[in-house]
Amino acid sequence: MASIETNISVGSKQAEVYKEFKATSVNEQPLPMGDGTIRISPFDDYFLFTLYEDTSGEDTPIDLSNVGVINISFIGENTEIKIPYYTNVKELDLSQGQVIFRISAEESKKILKLDNDNFYISSQGVSPEGDASDESVLYTGKFLTLTDDARQSLTSQIEALTKKYTEEVAKLRTEASLLKTERSDLAQQVAEQDVTIAALKASNLEMSNTISSLTTENESQDSTIGTVQNNAREAQKRAQNAQNKAGQTSAVQNKQKGKKDKATVAVAAAALQRTTI
C-alpha cells in the first residue's frame, strides 16, 4: 500500500524556491493510503510528495523514474481535472519517490468548486509510439480549502484541548478519589487507634486501681502481721513468765516435799524406837 511523507503547498511567490529544490526530509511520518490531506488556495499552489510502498514491513520509496507520466487528478460528478507532475525543478529524484505538482490559480478555482474532495496520484505508461497504457492509482487522499483547513485546525486544537482537559479532569478525579479513599482509611485508622487508646486508658485505670487495692491490702496485711507478731511476742513473754512461775512453784513444792519426807522419816524412827524398847 502506497503512502506519502509530505504534501507541502506554497504560493506562486515561493515557486522559485522549489525550482532549486534540495531533496531533504521535512520530518513527517508516512501517511497510509487515504490519510493524506492537501490544502488548496485560490492561487498558484505547489505540492511535493514522497511516495512509499510497504516492502517486508518497511517503507520503501517507489521508483517513479520508469512508471510513465505521473498525474494528480480531481474528479467531480461531471468534471475531471488532471495535472501532470511538474518538471521545472532541479534535483528532484523520481527514483526516490519524489514528485511535485503545480496547480495554477485557474485550476485551483475549478477544483474548489468540485462536489468531491478526493485527489488521486496516478501513473500512466506511454509507449515509444505514443500509445498510453492503463492508468494506475499510486495514492489517494483529500483536499481542503485554506478556510476549511483553518476551521479544521481550530476544531482540532479545540478537540485536542478538550481531550487534554478531559484527561486532566479524569486524572484529577482519580487522584481525588484515591485521596478520598486514603483519607477514609486514615480516619478509620484514627478511629481504631482512638478505641485502642481508650481501651489502654481503661486498662491502665484498672491496673492503677488494682495496684492501689493491692497496696492497701498489703498495708493492711503488714499491719495485721505486725499485730500478730506483737501478740506472739506478748504470748511468748507470758509463757516465759508462766514457765518461770511454774519453775518457782515446783521448787517450792520440792522443798516442801523434802521437809515432809524428813518429818515422816523422823516419826517412823521414833515409832521404831518405841517398838524396840
Protein backbone atom coordinates (compact mmCIF):
# COMPACT_ATOMS: atom_id res chain seq x y z
CA MET A 1 0.00 0.00 0.00
CA ALA A 2 1.39 3.34 -1.04
CA SER A 3 1.86 6.20 1.41
CA ILE A 4 3.13 9.76 1.32
CA GLU A 5 5.60 11.54 3.53
CA THR A 6 4.97 15.17 2.58
CA ASN A 7 2.33 17.30 0.89
CA ILE A 8 3.79 20.79 1.02
CA SER A 9 1.80 23.60 -0.60
CA VAL A 10 3.24 27.05 -1.45
CA GLY A 11 2.11 30.18 -3.20
CA SER A 12 3.42 31.45 -6.51
CA LYS A 13 5.90 33.80 -4.84
CA GLN A 14 7.64 30.78 -3.38
CA ALA A 15 7.76 28.79 -6.59
CA GLU A 16 11.35 29.74 -7.36
CA VAL A 17 12.45 28.06 -4.17
CA TYR A 18 11.17 24.75 -5.49
CA LYS A 19 13.00 25.25 -8.74
CA GLU A 20 16.15 24.98 -6.66
CA PHE A 21 14.66 22.12 -4.63
CA LYS A 22 17.01 20.06 -2.49
CA ALA A 23 15.85 16.55 -1.70
CA THR A 24 15.70 16.80 2.08
CA SER A 25 13.27 15.31 4.59
CA VAL A 26 10.69 17.53 6.27
CA ASN A 27 10.48 15.15 9.25
CA GLU A 28 6.93 13.99 8.64
CA GLN A 29 5.73 10.45 9.12
CA PRO A 30 4.45 8.48 6.09
CA LEU A 31 0.65 8.56 5.88
CA PRO A 32 -1.32 5.47 4.79
CA MET A 33 -3.49 5.47 1.70
CA GLY A 34 -6.40 7.87 2.17
CA ASP A 35 -4.97 9.72 5.19
CA GLY A 36 -3.03 12.43 3.31
CA THR A 37 -4.57 15.93 3.15
CA ILE A 38 -3.55 18.86 0.95
CA ARG A 39 -4.66 22.47 1.27
CA ILE A 40 -5.68 24.32 -1.89
CA SER A 41 -5.80 28.11 -2.10
CA PRO A 42 -7.39 30.23 -4.87
CA PHE A 43 -3.86 30.93 -6.11
CA ASP A 44 -0.94 29.00 -7.56
CA ASP A 45 0.00 26.04 -5.37
CA TYR A 46 2.90 23.59 -5.42
CA PHE A 47 2.62 20.17 -3.77
CA LEU A 48 5.62 17.99 -3.04
CA PHE A 49 5.07 14.29 -2.34
CA THR A 50 7.35 11.40 -1.50
CA LEU A 51 5.58 8.12 -2.31
CA TYR A 52 6.36 4.88 -0.47
CA GLU A 53 5.34 1.26 -0.68
CA ASP A 54 5.43 -1.39 2.03
CA THR A 55 8.29 -3.82 1.50
CA SER A 56 8.65 -6.54 4.14
CA GLY A 57 7.16 -4.26 6.76
CA GLU A 58 9.34 -1.24 5.88
CA ASP A 59 8.52 1.94 3.95
CA THR A 60 10.47 1.92 0.71
CA PRO A 61 10.37 4.84 -1.79
CA ILE A 62 8.60 3.94 -5.03
CA ASP A 63 10.81 4.25 -8.11
CA LEU A 64 8.85 6.70 -10.25
CA SER A 65 11.54 7.08 -12.89
CA ASN A 66 10.09 4.40 -15.17
CA VAL A 67 6.35 4.44 -14.49
CA GLY A 68 5.48 6.86 -17.29
CA VAL A 69 3.51 10.04 -16.75
CA ILE A 70 2.54 10.90 -13.19
CA ASN A 71 -0.65 12.88 -12.67
CA ILE A 72 -2.66 14.33 -9.82
CA SER A 73 -6.39 14.24 -10.54
CA PHE A 74 -9.51 15.80 -9.04
CA ILE A 75 -12.74 14.18 -10.14
CA GLY A 76 -16.23 15.56 -9.65
CA GLU A 77 -19.56 14.24 -10.83
CA ASN A 78 -19.26 15.96 -14.20
CA THR A 79 -15.73 17.35 -14.15
CA GLU A 80 -12.25 15.83 -14.11
CA ILE A 81 -9.13 17.93 -13.63
CA LYS A 82 -5.87 16.12 -14.37
CA ILE A 83 -2.48 17.79 -13.82
CA PRO A 84 0.86 16.18 -14.76
CA TYR A 85 3.83 16.34 -12.42
CA TYR A 86 5.96 19.48 -12.51
CA THR A 87 9.27 19.06 -14.30
CA ASN A 88 10.74 22.54 -13.96
CA VAL A 89 12.60 21.74 -10.78
CA LYS A 90 16.21 20.83 -10.08
CA GLU A 91 17.50 17.82 -8.16
CA LEU A 92 14.11 16.13 -7.82
CA ASP A 93 14.77 12.37 -7.62
CA LEU A 94 11.91 10.37 -9.13
CA SER A 95 13.72 7.14 -8.30
CA GLN A 96 13.30 8.03 -4.61
CA GLY A 97 9.56 8.53 -4.97
CA GLN A 98 9.78 12.33 -5.11
CA VAL A 99 7.27 14.17 -7.26
CA ILE A 100 5.97 17.74 -7.31
CA PHE A 101 2.80 19.16 -8.84
CA ARG A 102 1.99 22.74 -9.76
CA ILE A 103 -1.67 23.73 -9.60
CA SER A 104 -2.36 27.08 -11.22
CA ALA A 105 -4.78 29.63 -9.78
CA GLU A 106 -7.25 28.86 -12.58
CA GLU A 107 -7.12 25.11 -11.84
CA SER A 108 -7.36 25.75 -8.10
CA LYS A 109 -10.59 27.72 -8.54
CA LYS A 110 -12.10 24.87 -10.59
CA ILE A 111 -11.01 22.30 -8.02
CA LEU A 112 -12.53 24.29 -5.15
CA LYS A 113 -15.91 24.17 -6.93
CA LEU A 114 -15.95 20.37 -7.19
CA ASP A 115 -18.51 18.32 -5.27
CA ASN A 116 -15.85 15.75 -4.34
CA ASP A 117 -12.88 16.42 -2.08
CA ASN A 118 -10.72 13.48 -3.14
CA PHE A 119 -7.47 13.66 -5.05
CA TYR A 120 -5.62 10.86 -6.84
CA ILE A 121 -1.98 10.44 -7.78
CA SER A 122 -1.67 8.04 -10.69
CA SER A 123 0.82 6.79 -13.24
CA GLN A 124 0.25 6.01 -16.89
CA GLY A 125 2.80 4.41 -19.14
CA VAL A 126 3.33 5.67 -22.65
CA SER A 127 4.82 3.51 -25.41
CA PRO A 128 7.50 4.83 -27.79
CA GLU A 129 4.75 5.10 -30.34
CA GLY A 130 2.83 7.41 -28.01
CA ASP A 131 0.18 4.91 -27.02
CA ALA A 132 -0.95 5.32 -23.42
CA SER A 133 -1.43 2.29 -21.15
CA ASP A 134 -3.98 1.85 -18.40
CA GLU A 135 -3.74 4.37 -15.58
CA SER A 136 -2.87 3.06 -12.10
CA VAL A 137 -3.57 4.81 -8.79
CA LEU A 138 -0.46 5.28 -6.64
CA TYR A 139 -2.09 7.23 -3.82
CA THR A 140 -5.35 8.89 -2.86
CA GLY A 141 -6.24 11.45 -0.23
CA LYS A 142 -8.39 14.50 0.42
CA PHE A 143 -8.07 18.23 -0.14
CA LEU A 144 -9.28 21.16 1.94
CA THR A 145 -9.68 24.84 1.23
CA LEU A 146 -7.50 27.11 3.33
CA THR A 147 -10.65 28.27 5.14
CA ASP A 148 -11.71 24.70 5.85
CA ASP A 149 -8.19 23.88 6.89
CA ALA A 150 -8.09 26.81 9.30
CA ARG A 151 -11.50 25.85 10.65
CA GLN A 152 -10.46 22.20 10.89
CA SER A 153 -7.19 23.22 12.51
CA LEU A 154 -9.06 25.31 15.07
CA THR A 155 -11.52 22.48 15.64
CA SER A 156 -8.64 20.06 16.01
CA GLN A 157 -7.00 22.37 18.51
CA ILE A 158 -10.24 22.67 20.45
CA GLU A 159 -10.71 18.92 20.35
CA ALA A 160 -7.10 18.41 21.42
CA LEU A 161 -7.53 20.87 24.29
CA THR A 162 -10.85 19.29 25.22
CA LYS A 163 -9.25 15.87 25.19
CA LYS A 164 -6.33 17.12 27.24
CA TYR A 165 -8.70 18.87 29.65
CA THR A 166 -10.87 15.75 29.89
CA GLU A 167 -7.82 13.60 30.55
CA GLU A 168 -6.58 16.04 33.18
CA VAL A 169 -10.00 16.17 34.82
CA ALA A 170 -10.22 12.37 34.77
CA LYS A 171 -6.73 12.18 36.23
CA LEU A 172 -7.57 14.71 38.95
CA ARG A 173 -10.80 12.90 39.72
CA THR A 174 -8.91 9.63 40.02
CA GLU A 175 -6.36 11.28 42.30
CA ALA A 176 -9.18 12.87 44.32
CA SER A 177 -10.88 9.50 44.62
CA LEU A 178 -7.64 7.91 45.77
CA LEU A 179 -7.07 10.73 48.26
CA LYS A 180 -10.65 10.38 49.50
CA THR A 181 -10.14 6.64 49.96
CA GLU A 182 -6.81 7.26 51.66
CA ARG A 183 -8.41 9.89 53.89
CA SER A 184 -11.22 7.47 54.76
CA ASP A 185 -8.65 4.78 55.55
CA LEU A 186 -6.73 7.22 57.74
CA ALA A 187 -9.93 8.25 59.51
CA GLN A 188 -10.70 4.58 60.11
CA GLN A 189 -7.19 4.04 61.45
CA VAL A 190 -7.57 7.10 63.73
CA ALA A 191 -10.91 5.78 64.98
CA GLU A 192 -9.38 2.37 65.63
CA GLN A 193 -6.43 3.99 67.39
CA ASP A 194 -8.84 6.07 69.50
CA VAL A 195 -10.61 2.85 70.51
CA THR A 196 -7.24 1.25 71.29
CA ILE A 197 -6.16 4.31 73.31
CA ALA A 198 -9.45 4.29 75.21
CA ALA A 199 -9.02 0.58 75.92
CA LEU A 200 -5.45 1.18 77.07
CA LYS A 201 -6.59 4.04 79.30
CA ALA A 202 -9.29 1.81 80.79
CA SER A 203 -6.77 -0.98 81.25
CA ASN A 204 -4.31 1.46 82.79
CA LEU A 205 -7.01 2.75 85.16
CA GLU A 206 -7.94 -0.81 86.09
CA MET A 207 -4.30 -1.68 86.71
CA SER A 208 -3.90 1.51 88.80
CA ASN A 209 -6.95 0.56 90.86
CA THR A 210 -5.64 -2.98 91.24
CA ILE A 211 -2.24 -1.71 92.32
CA SER A 212 -3.88 0.70 94.75
CA SER A 213 -6.04 -2.11 96.12
CA LEU A 214 -3.08 -4.41 96.44
CA THR A 215 -1.09 -1.67 98.09
CA THR A 216 -3.91 -1.06 100.58
CA GLU A 217 -4.31 -4.78 101.12
CA ASN A 218 -0.58 -5.17 101.55
CA GLU A 219 -0.51 -2.33 104.04
CA SER A 220 -3.42 -4.00 105.91
CA GLN A 221 -1.63 -7.32 105.80
CA ASP A 222 1.54 -5.66 107.06
CA SER A 223 -0.46 -4.11 109.91
CA THR A 224 -2.08 -7.48 110.73
CA ILE A 225 1.27 -9.24 110.61
CA GLY A 226 2.69 -6.59 112.94
CA THR A 227 -0.20 -7.07 115.35
CA VAL A 228 0.14 -10.85 115.21
CA GLN A 229 3.88 -10.57 115.77
CA ASN A 230 3.32 -8.26 118.76
CA ASN A 231 0.70 -10.63 120.15
CA ALA A 232 3.07 -13.54 119.62
CA ARG A 233 5.82 -11.73 121.46
CA GLU A 234 3.40 -10.92 124.32
CA ALA A 235 2.23 -14.53 124.40
CA GLN A 236 5.82 -15.75 124.42
CA LYS A 237 6.60 -13.34 127.21
CA ARG A 238 3.57 -14.51 129.19
CA ALA A 239 4.51 -18.13 128.50
CA GLN A 240 8.03 -17.42 129.70
CA ASN A 241 6.68 -15.75 132.81
CA ALA A 242 4.33 -18.67 133.38
CA GLN A 243 7.20 -21.08 132.88
CA ASN A 244 9.29 -19.11 135.33
CA LYS A 245 6.47 -19.14 137.87
CA ALA A 246 5.94 -22.83 137.27
CA GLY A 247 9.63 -23.40 137.96
CA GLN A 248 9.45 -21.39 141.11
CA THR A 249 6.31 -23.24 142.21
CA SER A 250 7.94 -26.60 141.51
CA ALA A 251 10.96 -25.60 143.53
CA VAL A 252 8.81 -24.59 146.41
CA GLN A 253 6.84 -27.81 146.13
CA ASN A 254 10.02 -29.89 146.01
CA LYS A 255 11.33 -28.08 149.05
CA GLN A 256 8.12 -28.62 150.94
CA LYS A 257 8.07 -32.26 149.86
CA GLY A 258 11.62 -32.72 151.23
CA LYS A 259 10.60 -31.35 154.60
CA LYS A 260 7.59 -33.66 154.67
CA ASP A 261 9.72 -36.65 153.81
CA LYS A 262 12.18 -35.81 156.61
CA ALA A 263 9.30 -35.50 159.12
CA THR A 264 7.88 -38.81 158.04
CA VAL A 265 11.26 -40.50 158.48
CA ALA A 266 11.67 -38.95 161.92
CA VAL A 267 8.24 -40.13 163.03
CA ALA A 268 8.92 -43.61 161.73
CA ALA A 269 12.23 -43.77 163.56
CA ALA A 270 10.61 -42.67 166.75
CA ALA A 271 7.95 -45.31 166.41
CA LEU A 272 10.58 -47.90 165.78
CA GLN A 273 12.47 -46.87 168.85
CA ARG A 274 9.36 -47.12 170.93
CA THR A 275 8.65 -50.51 169.48
CA THR A 276 12.14 -51.75 170.21
CA ILE A 277 12.10 -50.58 173.79
